[in-house]
Amino acid sequence: MATEFKKPLFLHQRDAHNDFLYLLKNFRSEIVGGVVHCFTDTEEALQDYLALDMHIGITGWICDERRGAGLQQAVAKIPLDRLLIETDSPYLLPRSIKPKPKSRRNEPAHWLKLLKKSPCTALMNWKK
């Protein structure tokens, strides 16, 4: 449908990089553009998506000291004009928020607190 109506894609994949990449490569000439939403994969996967001119969405996952370590390294490789900061609200409440909100719901306002704290400072170390 996106190719038929010439609309960009908003894409989310989990544990299916090879299949995802296969489809993107085969239909790239028909794809207007797109965002790889909630990117949490490897630096190699990141390079694959950047090579296809995709934009990369980063969520609070990067602030997780356990799950986000690899992502903290990779984020510096994302060109500023291709980087999107997402809340993924109401999901993926960053673990590093103290005190935890009573609702346990992720909200955009949490980013203001997080961007000033390590390891979220990785987002501030972009290479142009």
Foldseek 3Di string as FASTA:
>chain_A
DCLVVVHAEEAEDDPCLVVVLVVCVVCLVSHNEYEHAQDQDALVSVVSCVVSVYAYEHELLCQAPPSNPRVLVNLQVHPPVRYHYDHPWQDDARPPDPPQDPVNGTDPVVVVVRCVDPPNVSNVNHDD
